Amino acid sequence: MTGPAAMTAPAPPADDGRAGLRRDAQRERAFFLSLSLPALVLVGLCAMLPILWILRQSVLTLRGEFTLANWEKLLSSSLTWKSVWTTVELSGATLVLCMALGIPLALALASAPQKLANRLLILVMLPLWTSILVRTYGWLVLLRRDGLVNQALTGTGIASEPLALVYNFTGTLIGMVHFMLPLFVLPVYAAMRDIDGNAIRAAASMGASLPRTLATVVLPLAAGGIRSGAMIVFIYTLGFFITPAVLGGGQVSPVAIRIEKVMSTFQDWGQASALGVLLLILVAMAAAMLAAARRLAGRKGRTHA
């Protein structure tokens, strides 16, 4: 066709190409999901069946009869709420210290040359290659009254007498921070390593000081890694057992320790299962709060953008 009609013929809409790409992407996701479906079902069953069994045990007597006495006894006990508070307090304090130590450490690793950063990262990861039981007893040797830490403090005159650093909240917290710090540093380091150096140089060229550059450029861009590390630390530490058992010396009793005491002392499956369900509820609440905070931060970021 020639003439004005041919010159004014409408071009095909660009949205058709985008819609086709979206359909291809959806088909690709559906294909890979179908490949992973058997593994997802298996993992889901392995995860859900024990949880369902614990839920069932929490409302049964030793004879297998339905009862709510386990929950009534659990919720009316002051020891239960003390254990819950200790669990949350330990997890929160561990998270705060991991953030205070891990963010500067991740920033130093991200600022170092790649070869040096790789070597330093190996040193950060080295504790994870050692059994948690070995590390916990190592801290017990270091922190006890005649340990190396107290010997150094009293020998240098910093302390006039040995400090109580184990069999209490302080020793437990030290051991938990030592275990969780590498797990916090990894996602934060990955996020900081991906920050475009031009953004930092642009802030410096505009006259921003180093603290202001960190507060307005580095930390907001690394917020995703910090949130991921915080979620790992807080949720993981809610179920800690070995470190409080060894370094707490019976003076620190989170929910996991309380479950062990109920089972070893009274062989009460119903009470222990109810405590287990309570711990699961704590984990679910923590995950929901952190996810809500992450979504809220994402909305604020889109609003400012």
Foldseek 3Di string as FASTA:
>chain_A
DDDPVVVPDDDPDPVVVVVVVVVVVVVVVVVVCVVCVVVVVVVVCVVVVVLVVLVLLLQAAPVGDGHNVLVVVQVVDPVNVLQAVLLQVLLVLLLVVLCVPQLVVLVVLLPDPPVVSVVVLCVLCVVVVDDLLVLLVVLVQQQPQPHPVQCVCCVVVVDVGGDLCFLASNVLSVSLNSVLNSLLNVLLNVQQNPFDVVLLVVCVVVPDDPVRSCVPPRCVSSVVSNLVSSLCRNLVSSQDDSSCVRRNVPVRRHLNNVLVCCCVPPVGSNNSSVSVVVSVVVSVVSVVVSVVVVVVSVVVVVVVD
